[in-house]
Amino acid sequence: MKTVTAAILVIGDEVLSGRTQDANTQVLAKALGAIGVLLCEARAIADDEATIITALNELRGRFDYVFTSGGIGPTHDDITAEAVGKAFGAQVTIRDDARVLLDAHYGDDINDARLRMARIPDGAELIPNPISIAPGFRIENVFIMAGVPRIFAVMLDAVIPTLDSGAVVSEISLACPHGEGVLSAPLAAVAAKHPDVAIGSYPRFKTGGGFEVTVVARCADADALVAAEADLKAMLAGF
């Protein structure tokens, strides 16, 4: 089965300043992984038009899908829609289909600021947003999504069924009481024996002191993963 790849652009000064913690990358990675789409790159960038255009044009040429989060709200620094339009050479206007949604939602409370959320590049398809109504949009292989995690997640629910699927990666985890310094050489030997399996070690501190290591192996080929797991268990039993 073919490999399907993706990247995410997390757009927002608030993320880079540390004021807001990105939660959307993890949600996206898990949802894509479940259908065999490999998230290969995550990049956080500022609310800067030139930066958005450059990053978007680079990533959409390298990966099957690109997702963005953030920058499609009603305020002056929400500039993602305009930047995407320039990246694709598409005019950005207040689209009638998006405006109908916002008019119905806000009624008499609609204003120019809220109408900014109806700015959509020509040729783009709307991504539904049942929470706050303001839509995201898809243009070619790029999905423009909200930054608010709850809204990002419901937009993603609508997007996932439209994507091509690839080979789903499975993983196994093995607990190890030894440190990475001890594991390094034998683990490298197992990894070299199984080049198609991604093998890593992940230390963490234990409650009450000390630390432990989890060895993780990931692969889309079930037989290859089983063989690697057997060698990893043999390695750990040999200490």
C-alpha atoms as a PDB file:
ATOM      1  CA  MET A   1       0.000   0.000   0.000  1.00  0.00           C
ATOM      2  CA  LYS A   2       1.231   3.491  -0.816  1.00  0.00           C
ATOM      3  CA  THR A   3       2.665   5.903   1.721  1.00  0.00           C
ATOM      4  CA  VAL A   4       0.501   8.984   2.289  1.00  0.00           C
ATOM      5  CA  THR A   5       2.184  11.943   3.980  1.00  0.00           C
ATOM      6  CA  ALA A   6       1.106  15.130   5.711  1.00  0.00           C
ATOM      7  CA  ALA A   7       2.426  18.208   7.506  1.00  0.00           C
ATOM      8  CA  ILE A   8       0.917  20.794   9.831  1.00  0.00           C
ATOM      9  CA  LEU A   9       1.556  24.523  10.082  1.00  0.00           C
ATOM     10  CA  VAL A  10       0.637  25.899  13.496  1.00  0.00           C
ATOM     11  CA  ILE A  11       0.120  29.613  12.890  1.00  0.00           C
ATOM     12  CA  GLY A  12       0.104  32.137  15.714  1.00  0.00           C
ATOM     13  CA  ASP A  13       2.288  34.506  17.685  1.00  0.00           C
ATOM     14  CA  GLU A  14       0.546  33.267  20.828  1.00  0.00           C
ATOM     15  CA  VAL A  15       2.000  29.785  20.327  1.00  0.00           C
ATOM     16  CA  LEU A  16       5.535  31.050  19.727  1.00  0.00           C
ATOM     17  CA  SER A  17       5.362  33.341  22.762  1.00  0.00           C
ATOM     18  CA  GLY A  18       4.367  30.452  25.022  1.00  0.00           C
ATOM     19  CA  ARG A  19       1.028  32.002  25.907  1.00  0.00           C
ATOM     20  CA  THR A  20      -0.905  29.218  24.171  1.00  0.00           C
ATOM     21  CA  GLN A  21       0.107  25.564  24.050  1.00  0.00           C
ATOM     22  CA  ASP A  22      -0.421  23.775  20.757  1.00  0.00           C
ATOM     23  CA  ALA A  23      -2.729  20.792  21.198  1.00  0.00           C
ATOM     24  CA  ASN A  24      -3.755  20.316  17.586  1.00  0.00           C
ATOM     25  CA  THR A  25      -0.633  18.558  16.351  1.00  0.00           C
ATOM     26  CA  GLN A  26      -1.180  15.581  18.637  1.00  0.00           C
ATOM     27  CA  VAL A  27      -4.868  15.347  17.712  1.00  0.00           C
ATOM     28  CA  LEU A  28      -4.000  15.473  14.017  1.00  0.00           C
ATOM     29  CA  ALA A  29      -1.195  12.912  14.301  1.00  0.00           C
ATOM     30  CA  LYS A  30      -3.462  10.379  16.014  1.00  0.00           C
ATOM     31  CA  ALA A  31      -6.350  10.877  13.584  1.00  0.00           C
ATOM     32  CA  LEU A  32      -4.099  10.601  10.544  1.00  0.00           C
ATOM     33  CA  GLY A  33      -2.243   7.611  11.949  1.00  0.00           C
ATOM     34  CA  ALA A  34      -5.521   5.731  12.340  1.00  0.00           C
ATOM     35  CA  ILE A  35      -6.057   5.863   8.564  1.00  0.00           C
ATOM     36  CA  GLY A  36      -2.449   5.309   7.575  1.00  0.00           C
ATOM     37  CA  VAL A  37      -1.443   8.901   6.836  1.00  0.00           C
ATOM     38  CA  LEU A  38       2.029   9.699   8.162  1.00  0.00           C
ATOM     39  CA  LEU A  39       2.464  13.118   9.772  1.00  0.00           C
ATOM     40  CA  CYS A  40       6.017  13.934   8.732  1.00  0.00           C
ATOM     41  CA  GLU A  41       6.484  17.536   9.823  1.00  0.00           C
ATOM     42  CA  ALA A  42       5.018  20.015  12.319  1.00  0.00           C
ATOM     43  CA  ARG A  43       6.054  23.642  12.088  1.00  0.00           C
ATOM     44  CA  ALA A  44       5.007  26.615  14.244  1.00  0.00           C
ATOM     45  CA  ILE A  45       5.214  30.025  12.579  1.00  0.00           C
ATOM     46  CA  ALA A  46       4.286  33.621  13.329  1.00  0.00           C
ATOM     47  CA  ASP A  47       1.303  35.630  12.101  1.00  0.00           C
ATOM     48  CA  ASP A  48       3.368  36.980   9.241  1.00  0.00           C
ATOM     49  CA  GLU A  49       2.049  36.891   5.690  1.00  0.00           C
ATOM     50  CA  ALA A  50       5.359  36.280   3.915  1.00  0.00           C
ATOM     51  CA  THR A  51       6.276  33.525   6.367  1.00  0.00           C
ATOM     52  CA  ILE A  52       2.929  31.789   5.920  1.00  0.00           C
ATOM     53  CA  ILE A  53       3.133  31.949   2.122  1.00  0.00           C
ATOM     54  CA  THR A  54       6.696  30.627   2.009  1.00  0.00           C
ATOM     55  CA  ALA A  55       6.058  27.781   4.440  1.00  0.00           C
ATOM     56  CA  LEU A  56       2.780  26.793   2.800  1.00  0.00           C
ATOM     57  CA  ASN A  57       4.219  26.699  -0.711  1.00  0.00           C
ATOM     58  CA  GLU A  58       7.158  24.612   0.483  1.00  0.00           C
ATOM     59  CA  LEU A  59       5.092  22.057   2.380  1.00  0.00           C
ATOM     60  CA  ARG A  60       2.268  21.608  -0.128  1.00  0.00           C
ATOM     61  CA  GLY A  61       4.820  20.619  -2.729  1.00  0.00           C
ATOM     62  CA  ARG A  62       6.492  18.061  -0.474  1.00  0.00           C
ATOM     63  CA  PHE A  63       3.555  16.314   1.180  1.00  0.00           C
ATOM     64  CA  ASP A  64       0.245  14.840   0.078  1.00  0.00           C
ATOM     65  CA  TYR A  65      -1.682  16.947   2.572  1.00  0.00           C
ATOM     66  CA  VAL A  66      -0.989  20.110   4.543  1.00  0.00           C
ATOM     67  CA  PHE A  67      -3.063  21.260   7.516  1.00  0.00           C
ATOM     68  CA  THR A  68      -2.953  24.658   9.156  1.00  0.00           C
ATOM     69  CA  SER A  69      -4.338  25.719  12.508  1.00  0.00           C
ATOM     70  CA  GLY A  70      -4.991  29.280  13.575  1.00  0.00           C
ATOM     71  CA  GLY A  71      -5.375  32.684  12.010  1.00  0.00           C
ATOM     72  CA  ILE A  72      -8.871  32.479  10.496  1.00  0.00           C
ATOM     73  CA  GLY A  73     -10.763  34.470  13.143  1.00  0.00           C
ATOM     74  CA  PRO A  74     -12.296  37.972  13.180  1.00  0.00           C
ATOM     75  CA  THR A  75      -9.367  40.064  14.433  1.00  0.00           C
ATOM     76  CA  HIS A  76      -6.796  42.158  12.580  1.00  0.00           C
ATOM     77  CA  ASP A  77      -4.007  39.621  13.038  1.00  0.00           C
ATOM     78  CA  ASP A  78      -6.032  36.730  11.597  1.00  0.00           C
ATOM     79  CA  ILE A  79      -4.364  36.805   8.193  1.00  0.00           C
ATOM     80  CA  THR A  80      -4.196  33.147   7.210  1.00  0.00           C
ATOM     81  CA  ALA A  81      -6.990  33.296   4.600  1.00  0.00           C
ATOM     82  CA  GLU A  82      -5.342  36.183   2.740  1.00  0.00           C
ATOM     83  CA  ALA A  83      -1.925  34.512   2.888  1.00  0.00           C
ATOM     84  CA  VAL A  84      -3.340  31.261   1.532  1.00  0.00           C
ATOM     85  CA  GLY A  85      -5.037  33.150  -1.282  1.00  0.00           C
ATOM     86  CA  LYS A  86      -1.737  34.738  -2.271  1.00  0.00           C
ATOM     87  CA  ALA A  87       0.071  31.396  -2.059  1.00  0.00           C
ATOM     88  CA  PHE A  88      -2.397  29.946  -4.574  1.00  0.00           C
ATOM     89  CA  GLY A  89      -2.883  33.092  -6.626  1.00  0.00           C
ATOM     90  CA  ALA A  90      -6.581  33.098  -5.700  1.00  0.00           C
ATOM     91  CA  GLN A  91      -8.727  36.108  -4.852  1.00  0.00           C
ATOM     92  CA  VAL A  92     -10.077  36.175  -1.297  1.00  0.00           C
ATOM     93  CA  THR A  93     -13.566  37.601  -0.811  1.00  0.00           C
ATOM     94  CA  ILE A  94     -16.477  37.320   1.594  1.00  0.00           C
ATOM     95  CA  ARG A  95     -18.070  34.264   0.024  1.00  0.00           C
ATOM     96  CA  ASP A  96     -21.855  34.053  -0.176  1.00  0.00           C
ATOM     97  CA  ASP A  97     -22.034  30.464   1.098  1.00  0.00           C
ATOM     98  CA  ALA A  98     -19.915  31.298   4.136  1.00  0.00           C
ATOM     99  CA  ARG A  99     -21.809  34.523   4.768  1.00  0.00           C
ATOM    100  CA  VAL A 100     -25.147  32.691   4.802  1.00  0.00           C
ATOM    101  CA  LEU A 101     -23.856  30.497   7.619  1.00  0.00           C
ATOM    102  CA  LEU A 102     -22.665  33.453   9.688  1.00  0.00           C
ATOM    103  CA  ASP A 103     -25.806  35.520   9.073  1.00  0.00           C
ATOM    104  CA  ALA A 104     -27.958  32.639  10.265  1.00  0.00           C
ATOM    105  CA  HIS A 105     -25.802  32.115  13.343  1.00  0.00           C
ATOM    106  CA  TYR A 106     -25.344  35.721  14.476  1.00  0.00           C
ATOM    107  CA  GLY A 107     -28.567  37.282  13.209  1.00  0.00           C
ATOM    108  CA  ASP A 108     -28.715  40.963  14.157  1.00  0.00           C
ATOM    109  CA  ASP A 109     -25.356  40.639  15.919  1.00  0.00           C
ATOM    110  CA  ILE A 110     -23.443  40.161  12.660  1.00  0.00           C
ATOM    111  CA  ASN A 111     -20.838  42.859  12.070  1.00  0.00           C
ATOM    112  CA  ASP A 112     -17.845  43.576   9.862  1.00  0.00           C
ATOM    113  CA  ALA A 113     -15.445  41.817  12.226  1.00  0.00           C
ATOM    114  CA  ARG A 114     -17.486  38.613  12.234  1.00  0.00           C
ATOM    115  CA  LEU A 115     -17.872  38.779   8.466  1.00  0.00           C
ATOM    116  CA  ARG A 116     -14.094  38.541   8.217  1.00  0.00           C
ATOM    117  CA  MET A 117     -14.574  34.860   9.020  1.00  0.00           C
ATOM    118  CA  ALA A 118     -16.398  34.452   5.695  1.00  0.00           C
ATOM    119  CA  ARG A 119     -13.273  35.383   3.701  1.00  0.00           C
ATOM    120  CA  ILE A 120     -12.581  32.384   1.477  1.00  0.00           C
ATOM    121  CA  PRO A 121     -10.230  32.042  -1.522  1.00  0.00           C
ATOM    122  CA  ASP A 122     -11.876  31.412  -4.879  1.00  0.00           C
ATOM    123  CA  GLY A 123     -12.084  27.718  -5.673  1.00  0.00           C
ATOM    124  CA  ALA A 124     -11.891  26.547  -2.066  1.00  0.00           C
ATOM    125  CA  GLU A 125     -14.364  24.123  -0.465  1.00  0.00           C
ATOM    126  CA  LEU A 126     -15.796  24.923   2.955  1.00  0.00           C
ATOM    127  CA  ILE A 127     -14.999  22.750   5.972  1.00  0.00           C
ATOM    128  CA  PRO A 128     -18.000  22.677   8.349  1.00  0.00           C
ATOM    129  CA  ASN A 129     -17.759  23.976  11.887  1.00  0.00           C
ATOM    130  CA  PRO A 130     -20.805  22.978  13.972  1.00  0.00           C
ATOM    131  CA  ILE A 131     -19.478  24.702  17.109  1.00  0.00           C
ATOM    132  CA  SER A 132     -18.917  28.353  16.169  1.00  0.00           C
ATOM    133  CA  ILE A 133     -20.176  28.028  12.567  1.00  0.00           C
ATOM    134  CA  ALA A 134     -17.312  30.010  10.949  1.00  0.00           C
ATOM    135  CA  PRO A 135     -15.976  27.527   8.378  1.00  0.00           C
ATOM    136  CA  GLY A 136     -12.512  26.361   7.521  1.00  0.00           C
ATOM    137  CA  PHE A 137     -11.713  25.571   3.931  1.00  0.00           C
ATOM    138  CA  ARG A 138      -9.823  23.237   1.630  1.00  0.00           C
ATOM    139  CA  ILE A 139      -7.932  24.396  -1.437  1.00  0.00           C
ATOM    140  CA  GLU A 140      -6.217  21.644  -3.418  1.00  0.00           C
ATOM    141  CA  ASN A 141      -4.227  19.573  -0.887  1.00  0.00           C
ATOM    142  CA  VAL A 142      -4.305  22.222   1.862  1.00  0.00           C
ATOM    143  CA  PHE A 143      -6.786  22.288   4.754  1.00  0.00           C
ATOM    144  CA  ILE A 144      -7.207  25.572   6.623  1.00  0.00           C
ATOM    145  CA  MET A 145      -8.478  24.886  10.126  1.00  0.00           C
ATOM    146  CA  ALA A 146      -9.308  26.796  13.300  1.00  0.00           C
ATOM    147  CA  GLY A 147      -6.746  27.156  16.065  1.00  0.00           C
ATOM    148  CA  VAL A 148      -9.157  26.521  18.957  1.00  0.00           C
ATOM    149  CA  PRO A 149      -8.589  22.820  19.756  1.00  0.00           C
ATOM    150  CA  ARG A 150     -12.252  21.890  20.143  1.00  0.00           C
ATOM    151  CA  ILE A 151     -13.138  23.465  16.803  1.00  0.00           C
ATOM    152  CA  PHE A 152     -10.050  22.034  15.106  1.00  0.00           C
ATOM    153  CA  ALA A 153     -11.139  18.571  16.247  1.00  0.00           C
ATOM    154  CA  VAL A 154     -14.675  18.813  14.818  1.00  0.00           C
ATOM    155  CA  MET A 155     -13.346  20.190  11.537  1.00  0.00           C
ATOM    156  CA  LEU A 156     -10.959  17.267  11.435  1.00  0.00           C
ATOM    157  CA  ASP A 157     -13.855  14.852  11.924  1.00  0.00           C
ATOM    158  CA  ALA A 158     -15.341  16.200   8.691  1.00  0.00           C
ATOM    159  CA  VAL A 159     -12.038  16.087   6.816  1.00  0.00           C
ATOM    160  CA  ILE A 160     -10.775  12.596   7.711  1.00  0.00           C
ATOM    161  CA  PRO A 161     -13.321  10.658   5.585  1.00  0.00           C
ATOM    162  CA  THR A 162     -12.259  12.649   2.486  1.00  0.00           C
ATOM    163  CA  LEU A 163      -8.584  11.666   2.670  1.00  0.00           C
ATOM    164  CA  ASP A 164      -6.732   8.896   0.906  1.00  0.00           C
ATOM    165  CA  SER A 165      -5.568   6.196   3.298  1.00  0.00           C
ATOM    166  CA  GLY A 166      -2.230   4.458   3.458  1.00  0.00           C
ATOM    167  CA  ALA A 167      -0.642   1.614   5.348  1.00  0.00           C
ATOM    168  CA  VAL A 168      -1.565   1.843   9.035  1.00  0.00           C
ATOM    169  CA  VAL A 169       1.459   1.746  11.326  1.00  0.00           C
ATOM    170  CA  SER A 170       1.257  -0.532  14.367  1.00  0.00           C
ATOM    171  CA  GLU A 171       3.490  -0.342  17.414  1.00  0.00           C
ATOM    172  CA  ILE A 172       4.593  -2.342  20.397  1.00  0.00           C
ATOM    173  CA  SER A 173       5.975  -1.025  23.694  1.00  0.00           C
ATOM    174  CA  LEU A 174       8.311  -2.826  26.059  1.00  0.00           C
ATOM    175  CA  ALA A 175       9.193  -1.650  29.565  1.00  0.00           C
ATOM    176  CA  CYS A 176      12.866  -1.712  30.452  1.00  0.00           C
ATOM    177  CA  PRO A 177      14.481  -1.120  33.855  1.00  0.00           C
ATOM    178  CA  HIS A 178      17.872  -0.236  32.347  1.00  0.00           C
ATOM    179  CA  GLY A 179      19.108   3.204  31.350  1.00  0.00           C
ATOM    180  CA  GLU A 180      19.644   4.353  27.788  1.00  0.00           C
ATOM    181  CA  GLY A 181      23.385   4.318  28.280  1.00  0.00           C
ATOM    182  CA  VAL A 182      23.237   0.570  28.868  1.00  0.00           C
ATOM    183  CA  LEU A 183      20.706  -0.003  26.102  1.00  0.00           C
ATOM    184  CA  SER A 184      22.445   2.021  23.431  1.00  0.00           C
ATOM    185  CA  ALA A 185      24.714  -0.565  21.806  1.00  0.00           C
ATOM    186  CA  PRO A 186      22.402  -3.619  21.899  1.00  0.00           C
ATOM    187  CA  LEU A 187      19.434  -1.520  20.805  1.00  0.00           C
ATOM    188  CA  ALA A 188      21.411  -0.160  17.874  1.00  0.00           C
ATOM    189  CA  ALA A 189      22.252  -3.725  16.858  1.00  0.00           C
ATOM    190  CA  VAL A 190      18.580  -4.734  16.852  1.00  0.00           C
ATOM    191  CA  ALA A 191      17.634  -1.609  14.901  1.00  0.00           C
ATOM    192  CA  ALA A 192      20.296  -2.381  12.276  1.00  0.00           C
ATOM    193  CA  LYS A 193      18.884  -5.901  11.899  1.00  0.00           C
ATOM    194  CA  HIS A 194      15.385  -4.499  11.265  1.00  0.00           C
ATOM    195  CA  PRO A 195      15.871  -1.412   9.067  1.00  0.00           C
ATOM    196  CA  ASP A 196      12.192  -1.224   8.090  1.00  0.00           C
ATOM    197  CA  VAL A 197      11.082  -0.934  11.715  1.00  0.00           C
ATOM    198  CA  ALA A 198      11.332   2.381  13.567  1.00  0.00           C
ATOM    199  CA  ILE A 199      12.789   1.592  16.992  1.00  0.00           C
ATOM    200  CA  GLY A 200      13.245   4.156  19.747  1.00  0.00           C
ATOM    201  CA  SER A 201      13.791   4.397  23.487  1.00  0.00           C
ATOM    202  CA  TYR A 202      11.977   6.891  25.694  1.00  0.00           C
ATOM    203  CA  PRO A 203      13.050   7.551  29.298  1.00  0.00           C
ATOM    204  CA  ARG A 204      10.810   9.056  31.946  1.00  0.00           C
ATOM    205  CA  PHE A 205      11.075   9.762  35.649  1.00  0.00           C
ATOM    206  CA  LYS A 206       9.128   7.455  37.946  1.00  0.00           C
ATOM    207  CA  THR A 207       6.969   8.563  40.826  1.00  0.00           C
ATOM    208  CA  GLY A 208       9.068   8.256  43.952  1.00  0.00           C
ATOM    209  CA  GLY A 209      12.385   8.642  42.198  1.00  0.00           C
ATOM    210  CA  GLY A 210      14.476   7.001  39.559  1.00  0.00           C
ATOM    211  CA  PHE A 211      13.518   6.543  35.944  1.00  0.00           C
ATOM    212  CA  GLU A 212      12.527   3.875  33.474  1.00  0.00           C
ATOM    213  CA  VAL A 213      12.801   3.428  29.725  1.00  0.00           C
ATOM    214  CA  THR A 214      10.125   2.320  27.284  1.00  0.00           C
ATOM    215  CA  VAL A 215      11.348   0.729  24.048  1.00  0.00           C
ATOM    216  CA  VAL A 216       8.943   1.318  21.172  1.00  0.00           C
ATOM    217  CA  ALA A 217       8.915  -0.307  17.743  1.00  0.00           C
ATOM    218  CA  ARG A 218       6.658   0.910  14.902  1.00  0.00           C
ATOM    219  CA  CYS A 219       6.035  -0.526  11.453  1.00  0.00           C
ATOM    220  CA  ALA A 220       3.264  -0.960   8.868  1.00  0.00           C
ATOM    221  CA  ASP A 221       4.465  -4.494   8.101  1.00  0.00           C
ATOM    222  CA  ALA A 222       3.005  -6.820  10.757  1.00  0.00           C
ATOM    223  CA  ASP A 223       5.498  -9.632  10.124  1.00  0.00           C
ATOM    224  CA  ALA A 224       8.462  -7.276  10.338  1.00  0.00           C
ATOM    225  CA  LEU A 225       7.129  -5.855  13.594  1.00  0.00           C
ATOM    226  CA  VAL A 226       6.686  -9.327  15.112  1.00  0.00           C
ATOM    227  CA  ALA A 227      10.268 -10.253  14.200  1.00  0.00           C
ATOM    228  CA  ALA A 228      11.629  -7.038  15.697  1.00  0.00           C
ATOM    229  CA  GLU A 229       9.590  -7.538  18.861  1.00  0.00           C
ATOM    230  CA  ALA A 230      11.067 -11.020  19.333  1.00  0.00           C
ATOM    231  CA  ASP A 231      14.612  -9.688  19.021  1.00  0.00           C
ATOM    232  CA  LEU A 232      13.872  -6.793  21.380  1.00  0.00           C
ATOM    233  CA  LYS A 233      12.492  -9.148  24.011  1.00  0.00           C
ATOM    234  CA  ALA A 234      15.536 -11.401  23.631  1.00  0.00           C
ATOM    235  CA  MET A 235      17.816  -8.391  24.007  1.00  0.00           C
ATOM    236  CA  LEU A 236      16.068  -7.250  27.194  1.00  0.00           C
ATOM    237  CA  ALA A 237      16.132 -10.777  28.627  1.00  0.00           C
ATOM    238  CA  GLY A 238      19.883 -10.896  28.128  1.00  0.00           C
ATOM    239  CA  PHE A 239      20.710  -8.217  30.691  1.00  0.00           C
END
